[in-house]
Protein backbone atom coordinates (compact mmCIF):
# COMPACT_ATOMS: atom_id res chain seq x y z
CA UNK A 1 0.27 -0.05 -0.16
CA UNK A 2 1.47 3.29 -1.10
CA UNK A 3 0.53 6.20 1.64
CA UNK A 4 1.53 9.22 0.84
CA UNK A 5 2.03 12.01 3.61
CA UNK A 6 -0.44 14.76 4.30
CA UNK A 7 0.22 17.61 2.78
CA UNK A 8 1.14 20.71 5.03
CA UNK A 9 -2.03 22.72 4.31
CA UNK A 10 -4.11 19.94 5.15
CA UNK A 11 -2.79 19.48 8.32
CA UNK A 12 -2.69 23.17 9.20
CA UNK A 13 -6.55 23.15 8.33
CA UNK A 14 -7.43 19.81 10.40
CA UNK A 15 -5.12 21.42 13.52
CA UNK A 16 -7.18 24.50 13.16
CA UNK A 17 -10.58 22.84 12.65
CA UNK A 18 -9.97 20.73 16.07
CA UNK A 19 -8.05 23.32 17.85
CA UNK A 20 -4.72 21.82 18.00
CA UNK A 21 -2.98 24.65 17.14
CA UNK A 22 -3.86 26.26 20.63
CA UNK A 23 -1.23 26.08 23.31
CA UNK A 24 -2.42 23.22 25.91
CA UNK A 25 -4.12 25.65 28.27
CA UNK A 26 -6.37 27.22 25.82
CA UNK A 27 -7.26 23.62 24.77
CA UNK A 28 -7.89 22.43 28.55
CA UNK A 29 -9.93 26.09 29.20
CA UNK A 30 -11.91 25.17 26.02
CA UNK A 31 -12.27 21.63 27.15
CA UNK A 32 -13.62 21.95 30.24
CA UNK A 33 -16.23 24.75 29.33
CA UNK A 34 -17.90 22.77 26.60
CA UNK A 35 -17.76 19.69 28.62
CA UNK A 36 -19.25 21.66 32.03
CA UNK A 37 -22.20 22.55 29.14
CA UNK A 38 -22.90 18.74 28.25
CA UNK A 39 -21.16 19.69 24.58
CA UNK A 40 -18.77 16.93 23.82
CA UNK A 41 -17.98 17.20 20.62
CA UNK A 42 -18.58 15.19 17.30
CA UNK A 43 -17.48 11.70 17.12
CA UNK A 44 -14.77 10.61 14.67
CA UNK A 45 -16.41 7.62 13.48
CA UNK A 46 -19.77 9.07 12.99
CA UNK A 47 -19.66 12.82 12.21
CA UNK A 48 -23.30 13.50 11.16
CA UNK A 49 -24.38 13.35 14.92
CA UNK A 50 -23.53 14.64 18.80
CA UNK A 51 -21.49 12.64 21.53
CA UNK A 52 -24.29 13.56 23.66
CA UNK A 53 -26.68 12.35 21.28
CA UNK A 54 -24.94 9.12 20.95
CA UNK A 55 -24.88 8.72 24.79
CA UNK A 56 -28.66 9.50 24.50
CA UNK A 57 -29.41 7.12 22.11
CA UNK A 58 -27.74 3.85 23.78
CA UNK A 59 -28.09 4.91 27.32
CA UNK A 60 -31.47 2.96 27.70
CA UNK A 61 -29.55 -0.06 26.42
CA UNK A 62 -26.73 0.11 28.78
CA UNK A 63 -28.99 0.90 31.70
CA UNK A 64 -30.68 -2.93 30.87
CA UNK A 65 -27.77 -4.19 30.85
CA UNK A 66 -25.98 -3.28 33.77
CA UNK A 67 -29.61 -4.25 35.93
CA UNK A 68 -29.49 -7.59 34.33
CA UNK A 69 -25.71 -7.61 35.43
CA UNK A 70 -26.35 -6.21 39.00
CA UNK A 71 -29.16 -8.46 39.49
CA UNK A 72 -27.53 -11.84 38.07
CA UNK A 73 -24.61 -10.53 40.32
CA UNK A 74 -26.72 -10.52 43.61
CA UNK A 75 -28.36 -13.61 43.06
CA UNK A 76 -24.81 -15.36 42.72
CA UNK A 77 -23.36 -13.36 45.33
CA UNK A 78 -26.18 -14.46 47.37
CA UNK A 79 -25.84 -18.50 46.73
CA UNK A 80 -22.34 -18.36 47.20
CA UNK A 81 -22.66 -16.26 50.09
CA UNK A 82 -25.05 -18.89 51.74
CA UNK A 83 -23.02 -21.56 50.53
CA UNK A 84 -19.99 -20.22 52.18
CA UNK A 85 -21.72 -19.44 55.53
CA UNK A 86 -23.10 -23.01 55.62
CA UNK A 87 -19.01 -24.80 55.63
């Protein structure tokens, strides 16, 4: 596979787009300001939606999975706890 280096102008545009041309403290301050307002930007893998929208879309499935795991752990822990108490 023949990989060509990214032209300097394209690299500069990408850096400017994501704010990577700014000092680290400015990048951090902008990130914290946006995070305080629940604005986590756009995911790289699906640029048509926001990170907040992605989290909101998958949150119900995450809660369902967590509930099943907690219930299973509770039952299994109770079972092994009774066995340990008997022995």
